Amino acid sequence: QVQLVESGGGLVQPGASLRLSCAASGRLFSLYVMSWYRQAPGKQRELVAYITSGGNTNYADSVKGRFTISRDDAKNTVYLEMNSLKPEDTAVYYCNQDLRHWGQGTQVTVSS
C-alpha cells in the first residue's frame, strides 16, 4: 500500500515562499507521475503541477512562473517550491501519485 506524507505547509505573508515535500512509500517511485493538487474552501480540487518520470513538468496557469515542481527519486520525494505567494494560493495542498494515491494534505495559508 502506497503512503504519501506531505509536509511544509504553514501560515505566511503575501510575497513569501514555502517549499512543500511529499515522501512516498512503496517501490518504483521513479516510474510514476507525481502531482500536486490544491483545494480551497468551497472550491473543487484543482491540479497545480505535475512531473513525469522523465522530469517533464506542467503547471496551472495561475502558478506558472511562481511555483516549481521537482522530484528526488533517490529519496522517493516530490517537492513544490512556491514563491511570491498570494492570498488566493490559500488551500490544502495534496500530493498524488499516478492519479491513484493521495496524501492527507497540508494547509497553506497566505495572509497578512
N, C-alpha and C. Protein backbone atom coordinates (compact mmCIF):
# COMPACT_ATOMS: atom_id res chain seq x y z
N GLN A 1 0.84 -1.19 0.00
CA GLN A 1 0.00 0.00 0.00
C GLN A 1 0.88 1.24 0.00
N VAL A 2 0.63 2.12 -0.94
CA VAL A 2 1.42 3.35 -1.05
C VAL A 2 0.92 4.36 -0.03
N GLN A 3 1.86 4.99 0.66
CA GLN A 3 1.53 6.09 1.56
C GLN A 3 2.28 7.33 1.12
N LEU A 4 1.56 8.45 1.08
CA LEU A 4 2.15 9.73 0.72
C LEU A 4 1.98 10.67 1.91
N VAL A 5 3.08 11.27 2.34
CA VAL A 5 3.06 12.14 3.51
C VAL A 5 3.59 13.51 3.12
N GLU A 6 2.70 14.52 3.15
CA GLU A 6 3.08 15.88 2.83
C GLU A 6 3.57 16.61 4.07
N SER A 7 4.42 17.59 3.85
CA SER A 7 4.88 18.47 4.92
C SER A 7 5.30 19.80 4.33
N GLY A 8 5.47 20.79 5.20
CA GLY A 8 5.99 22.08 4.76
C GLY A 8 4.98 23.20 4.67
N GLY A 9 3.72 22.90 4.91
CA GLY A 9 2.72 23.96 4.88
C GLY A 9 2.86 24.89 6.06
N GLY A 10 2.07 25.98 6.03
CA GLY A 10 2.10 26.91 7.14
C GLY A 10 1.40 28.20 6.80
N LEU A 11 1.54 29.17 7.70
CA LEU A 11 0.97 30.50 7.54
C LEU A 11 2.08 31.47 7.17
N VAL A 12 1.92 32.12 6.02
CA VAL A 12 2.93 33.08 5.56
C VAL A 12 2.24 34.33 5.06
N GLN A 13 3.04 35.39 4.94
CA GLN A 13 2.53 36.66 4.41
C GLN A 13 2.61 36.66 2.88
N PRO A 14 1.79 37.47 2.25
CA PRO A 14 1.89 37.60 0.79
C PRO A 14 3.31 37.95 0.36
N GLY A 15 3.75 37.32 -0.72
CA GLY A 15 5.09 37.54 -1.23
C GLY A 15 6.13 36.58 -0.69
N ALA A 16 5.78 35.82 0.32
CA ALA A 16 6.71 34.88 0.93
C ALA A 16 6.82 33.60 0.10
N SER A 17 7.69 32.72 0.57
CA SER A 17 7.92 31.44 -0.11
C SER A 17 7.73 30.29 0.86
N LEU A 18 7.38 29.15 0.31
CA LEU A 18 7.29 27.91 1.05
C LEU A 18 7.73 26.77 0.15
N ARG A 19 8.25 25.72 0.75
CA ARG A 19 8.54 24.50 0.00
C ARG A 19 7.80 23.34 0.63
N LEU A 20 6.94 22.73 -0.16
CA LEU A 20 6.23 21.54 0.27
C LEU A 20 7.01 20.30 -0.14
N SER A 21 6.93 19.28 0.70
CA SER A 21 7.55 17.99 0.39
C SER A 21 6.49 16.89 0.49
N CYS A 22 6.69 15.86 -0.29
CA CYS A 22 5.81 14.69 -0.24
C CYS A 22 6.68 13.45 -0.33
N ALA A 23 6.72 12.71 0.76
CA ALA A 23 7.51 11.48 0.81
C ALA A 23 6.61 10.29 0.55
N ALA A 24 7.04 9.44 -0.35
CA ALA A 24 6.23 8.28 -0.75
C ALA A 24 6.86 6.98 -0.29
N SER A 25 6.00 6.07 0.16
CA SER A 25 6.47 4.72 0.44
C SER A 25 6.27 3.89 -0.82
N GLY A 26 6.66 2.66 -0.77
CA GLY A 26 6.43 1.79 -1.92
C GLY A 26 7.60 1.78 -2.88
N ARG A 27 7.47 0.91 -3.85
CA ARG A 27 8.54 0.70 -4.81
C ARG A 27 8.28 1.45 -6.10
N LEU A 28 9.31 1.53 -6.90
CA LEU A 28 9.21 2.04 -8.27
C LEU A 28 8.72 3.47 -8.34
N PHE A 29 9.05 4.25 -7.33
CA PHE A 29 8.63 5.66 -7.29
C PHE A 29 9.00 6.38 -8.58
N SER A 30 10.18 6.10 -9.08
CA SER A 30 10.70 6.83 -10.23
C SER A 30 9.85 6.64 -11.49
N LEU A 31 9.02 5.62 -11.52
CA LEU A 31 8.24 5.33 -12.71
C LEU A 31 6.93 6.11 -12.79
N TYR A 32 6.55 6.74 -11.69
CA TYR A 32 5.22 7.33 -11.61
C TYR A 32 5.20 8.84 -11.83
N VAL A 33 4.10 9.28 -12.43
CA VAL A 33 3.82 10.71 -12.48
C VAL A 33 3.41 11.16 -11.08
N MET A 34 4.01 12.24 -10.64
CA MET A 34 3.69 12.81 -9.33
C MET A 34 3.08 14.19 -9.53
N SER A 35 2.05 14.47 -8.74
CA SER A 35 1.32 15.72 -8.93
C SER A 35 1.05 16.40 -7.59
N TRP A 36 0.83 17.69 -7.68
CA TRP A 36 0.32 18.46 -6.56
C TRP A 36 -1.03 19.04 -6.96
N TYR A 37 -2.00 18.87 -6.08
CA TYR A 37 -3.32 19.46 -6.23
C TYR A 37 -3.57 20.37 -5.03
N ARG A 38 -4.57 21.21 -5.16
CA ARG A 38 -4.97 22.02 -4.01
C ARG A 38 -6.49 22.20 -4.01
N GLN A 39 -7.00 22.42 -2.81
CA GLN A 39 -8.43 22.64 -2.65
C GLN A 39 -8.66 23.76 -1.65
N ALA A 40 -9.23 24.84 -2.15
CA ALA A 40 -9.58 25.97 -1.31
C ALA A 40 -10.99 25.78 -0.75
N PRO A 41 -11.31 26.43 0.36
CA PRO A 41 -12.65 26.28 0.94
C PRO A 41 -13.74 26.62 -0.06
N GLY A 42 -14.71 25.73 -0.20
CA GLY A 42 -15.82 25.97 -1.08
C GLY A 42 -15.54 25.78 -2.56
N LYS A 43 -14.33 25.31 -2.87
CA LYS A 43 -13.96 25.13 -4.29
C LYS A 43 -13.58 23.68 -4.55
N GLN A 44 -13.59 23.33 -5.83
CA GLN A 44 -13.18 21.99 -6.22
C GLN A 44 -11.67 21.84 -6.16
N ARG A 45 -11.23 20.62 -5.98
CA ARG A 45 -9.80 20.34 -6.01
C ARG A 45 -9.28 20.59 -7.43
N GLU A 46 -8.13 21.26 -7.53
CA GLU A 46 -7.57 21.58 -8.82
C GLU A 46 -6.11 21.15 -8.92
N LEU A 47 -5.70 20.82 -10.14
CA LEU A 47 -4.32 20.45 -10.38
C LEU A 47 -3.44 21.69 -10.34
N VAL A 48 -2.35 21.61 -9.60
CA VAL A 48 -1.39 22.70 -9.53
C VAL A 48 -0.21 22.45 -10.47
N ALA A 49 0.35 21.25 -10.38
CA ALA A 49 1.50 20.92 -11.21
C ALA A 49 1.71 19.42 -11.20
N TYR A 50 2.37 18.93 -12.26
CA TYR A 50 2.78 17.53 -12.25
C TYR A 50 4.15 17.39 -12.88
N ILE A 51 4.79 16.27 -12.56
CA ILE A 51 6.10 15.96 -13.10
C ILE A 51 6.11 14.49 -13.50
N THR A 52 6.58 14.22 -14.70
CA THR A 52 6.59 12.85 -15.20
C THR A 52 7.85 12.11 -14.74
N SER A 53 7.89 10.84 -15.06
CA SER A 53 9.06 10.05 -14.69
C SER A 53 10.32 10.56 -15.39
N GLY A 54 10.14 11.18 -16.54
CA GLY A 54 11.28 11.72 -17.27
C GLY A 54 11.64 13.13 -16.88
N GLY A 55 10.87 13.70 -15.95
CA GLY A 55 11.18 15.04 -15.48
C GLY A 55 10.46 16.17 -16.20
N ASN A 56 9.57 15.82 -17.12
CA ASN A 56 8.77 16.87 -17.76
C ASN A 56 7.75 17.41 -16.78
N THR A 57 7.51 18.70 -16.86
CA THR A 57 6.62 19.35 -15.91
C THR A 57 5.52 20.13 -16.61
N ASN A 58 4.45 20.34 -15.88
CA ASN A 58 3.34 21.15 -16.37
C ASN A 58 2.71 21.85 -15.18
N TYR A 59 2.22 23.08 -15.42
CA TYR A 59 1.70 23.90 -14.33
C TYR A 59 0.35 24.52 -14.70
N ALA A 60 -0.45 24.74 -13.69
CA ALA A 60 -1.65 25.53 -13.87
C ALA A 60 -1.25 26.96 -14.22
N ASP A 61 -2.05 27.61 -15.04
CA ASP A 61 -1.73 28.98 -15.45
C ASP A 61 -1.57 29.90 -14.26
N SER A 62 -2.33 29.66 -13.21
CA SER A 62 -2.33 30.54 -12.05
C SER A 62 -1.02 30.50 -11.26
N VAL A 63 -0.20 29.48 -11.47
CA VAL A 63 1.04 29.36 -10.70
C VAL A 63 2.29 29.39 -11.58
N LYS A 64 2.12 29.44 -12.87
CA LYS A 64 3.29 29.46 -13.78
C LYS A 64 4.20 30.63 -13.45
N GLY A 65 5.49 30.34 -13.39
CA GLY A 65 6.47 31.37 -13.09
C GLY A 65 6.69 31.60 -11.61
N ARG A 66 5.82 31.05 -10.77
CA ARG A 66 5.95 31.23 -9.32
C ARG A 66 6.24 29.92 -8.60
N PHE A 67 5.68 28.82 -9.09
CA PHE A 67 5.84 27.52 -8.45
C PHE A 67 6.75 26.64 -9.31
N THR A 68 7.50 25.78 -8.64
CA THR A 68 8.36 24.81 -9.32
C THR A 68 8.20 23.44 -8.68
N ILE A 69 7.87 22.45 -9.49
CA ILE A 69 7.78 21.08 -9.01
C ILE A 69 9.06 20.36 -9.38
N SER A 70 9.54 19.52 -8.46
CA SER A 70 10.74 18.74 -8.71
C SER A 70 10.63 17.41 -7.97
N ARG A 71 11.52 16.51 -8.31
CA ARG A 71 11.48 15.20 -7.65
C ARG A 71 12.89 14.71 -7.39
N ASP A 72 13.04 13.95 -6.33
CA ASP A 72 14.29 13.28 -5.99
C ASP A 72 13.96 11.79 -5.87
N ASP A 73 14.21 11.06 -6.92
CA ASP A 73 13.83 9.65 -6.94
C ASP A 73 14.62 8.81 -5.94
N ALA A 74 15.81 9.25 -5.61
CA ALA A 74 16.61 8.52 -4.62
C ALA A 74 15.99 8.61 -3.23
N LYS A 75 15.21 9.67 -3.02
CA LYS A 75 14.56 9.87 -1.72
C LYS A 75 13.06 9.60 -1.77
N ASN A 76 12.57 9.16 -2.93
CA ASN A 76 11.12 8.93 -3.08
C ASN A 76 10.32 10.16 -2.66
N THR A 77 10.77 11.31 -3.08
CA THR A 77 10.17 12.56 -2.63
C THR A 77 9.92 13.50 -3.80
N VAL A 78 8.78 14.17 -3.76
CA VAL A 78 8.47 15.22 -4.72
C VAL A 78 8.30 16.53 -3.94
N TYR A 79 8.70 17.63 -4.56
CA TYR A 79 8.68 18.93 -3.92
C TYR A 79 7.83 19.91 -4.72
N LEU A 80 7.35 20.92 -4.00
CA LEU A 80 6.71 22.04 -4.66
C LEU A 80 7.26 23.31 -4.03
N GLU A 81 8.10 24.00 -4.79
CA GLU A 81 8.66 25.28 -4.35
C GLU A 81 7.68 26.37 -4.76
N MET A 82 7.21 27.13 -3.78
CA MET A 82 6.20 28.15 -4.04
C MET A 82 6.76 29.51 -3.68
N ASN A 83 6.86 30.39 -4.64
CA ASN A 83 7.38 31.73 -4.44
C ASN A 83 6.30 32.77 -4.73
N SER A 84 6.53 33.97 -4.25
CA SER A 84 5.60 35.09 -4.48
C SER A 84 4.16 34.67 -4.17
N LEU A 85 3.99 34.09 -3.01
CA LEU A 85 2.67 33.57 -2.65
C LEU A 85 1.64 34.69 -2.53
N LYS A 86 0.42 34.34 -2.94
CA LYS A 86 -0.70 35.27 -2.92
C LYS A 86 -1.81 34.73 -2.02
N PRO A 87 -2.67 35.59 -1.52
CA PRO A 87 -3.78 35.09 -0.69
C PRO A 87 -4.61 34.02 -1.42
N GLU A 88 -4.74 34.14 -2.72
CA GLU A 88 -5.53 33.16 -3.47
C GLU A 88 -4.85 31.79 -3.59
N ASP A 89 -3.61 31.69 -3.12
CA ASP A 89 -2.94 30.39 -3.06
C ASP A 89 -3.33 29.62 -1.79
N THR A 90 -4.07 30.24 -0.91
CA THR A 90 -4.50 29.59 0.32
C THR A 90 -5.37 28.37 0.00
N ALA A 91 -4.97 27.22 0.51
CA ALA A 91 -5.67 25.97 0.22
C ALA A 91 -4.99 24.83 0.99
N VAL A 92 -5.64 23.69 0.98
CA VAL A 92 -4.99 22.46 1.40
C VAL A 92 -4.33 21.87 0.16
N TYR A 93 -3.05 21.58 0.27
CA TYR A 93 -2.28 21.05 -0.86
C TYR A 93 -2.10 19.55 -0.68
N TYR A 94 -2.41 18.82 -1.75
CA TYR A 94 -2.37 17.36 -1.73
C TYR A 94 -1.36 16.83 -2.74
N CYS A 95 -0.67 15.81 -2.35
CA CYS A 95 0.25 15.09 -3.22
C CYS A 95 -0.51 13.91 -3.83
N ASN A 96 -0.19 13.61 -5.07
CA ASN A 96 -0.85 12.49 -5.75
C ASN A 96 0.17 11.70 -6.54
N GLN A 97 0.02 10.38 -6.49
CA GLN A 97 0.87 9.51 -7.28
C GLN A 97 0.03 8.77 -8.31
N ASP A 98 0.37 9.00 -9.57
CA ASP A 98 -0.19 8.21 -10.67
C ASP A 98 -1.71 8.27 -10.73
N LEU A 99 -2.28 9.34 -10.24
CA LEU A 99 -3.74 9.56 -10.23
C LEU A 99 -4.49 8.50 -9.42
N ARG A 100 -3.78 7.79 -8.53
CA ARG A 100 -4.42 6.75 -7.75
C ARG A 100 -4.30 6.97 -6.25
N HIS A 101 -3.16 7.45 -5.80
CA HIS A 101 -2.90 7.54 -4.37
C HIS A 101 -2.78 8.99 -3.94
N TRP A 102 -3.38 9.30 -2.78
CA TRP A 102 -3.40 10.67 -2.27
C TRP A 102 -2.77 10.73 -0.88
N GLY A 103 -2.13 11.87 -0.62
CA GLY A 103 -1.70 12.15 0.73
C GLY A 103 -2.83 12.77 1.54
N GLN A 104 -2.52 13.09 2.80
CA GLN A 104 -3.55 13.62 3.69
C GLN A 104 -3.71 15.13 3.55
N GLY A 105 -2.78 15.77 2.91
CA GLY A 105 -2.87 17.20 2.67
C GLY A 105 -2.10 18.01 3.69
N THR A 106 -1.66 19.19 3.28
CA THR A 106 -1.00 20.13 4.16
C THR A 106 -1.57 21.53 3.89
N GLN A 107 -1.88 22.24 4.95
CA GLN A 107 -2.54 23.55 4.83
C GLN A 107 -1.52 24.63 4.52
N VAL A 108 -1.83 25.43 3.51
CA VAL A 108 -1.05 26.63 3.19
C VAL A 108 -2.00 27.82 3.31
N THR A 109 -1.63 28.76 4.15
CA THR A 109 -2.42 29.96 4.35
C THR A 109 -1.55 31.17 4.08
N VAL A 110 -2.00 32.02 3.16
CA VAL A 110 -1.27 33.23 2.81
C VAL A 110 -2.13 34.42 3.24
N SER A 111 -1.66 35.12 4.23
CA SER A 111 -2.45 36.21 4.80
C SER A 111 -1.54 37.20 5.51
N SER A 112 -1.94 38.47 5.44
CA SER A 112 -1.20 39.49 6.15
C SER A 112 -1.81 39.73 7.52
